[in-house]
Amino acid sequence: MYTDAGPPELGFRATILWLYYEDLEAAERFYRDVLGFERTVDQGWAKILETSASGYIGLVDGARGMHQATTDKAVTVSFLTDEVDAWFEYLSKQESKETIELRHQEVLDEGFVRVFVAYDPENYFLEFDTFTEHEDNVEFLKALHP
């Protein structure tokens, strides 16, 4: 299925966000075992995991991919969910605190969004969001829930 974004005769089937890691196996274990994402492609040095019907995260060996893994991360990965509180509770109960680091000890309610932040094994910023019925979110919620 293609979206109608872009020129009328063109479209996109899905999106992949590529992230680069020094320890690809640890990253894959995290996304599969902690977040529960299914691996759809394994190229050895690149793994693609499904995050939603048309969203994917690509995990890449930073020594082999188009870019190198870096210490500083200039990326926020946002997971839009209707279950932000349940995700927080689930991740808070992970047996090993080395597995998931939470930035705050509670879900923050900003009025227009309920949100918490966690970090993956190489410190990518993971934001879990539930956008609320708020005047600033009307158009966004329509797009999320057509």
Foldseek 3Di string as FASTA:
>chain_A
DFDCPDDNVDGDQADEAEAEDCDQVQLVCLCCVQVNWDWDDCPPQKTWTDDDNRYIYIYGHQVPDPHHHDLDDPDEAEDEDQPQQVSLVSNVPDPDCLQKPWPDNHFDCPPQKTWTWIAGNSGHIYIYIYGDPDPVCPVVVVVVPD
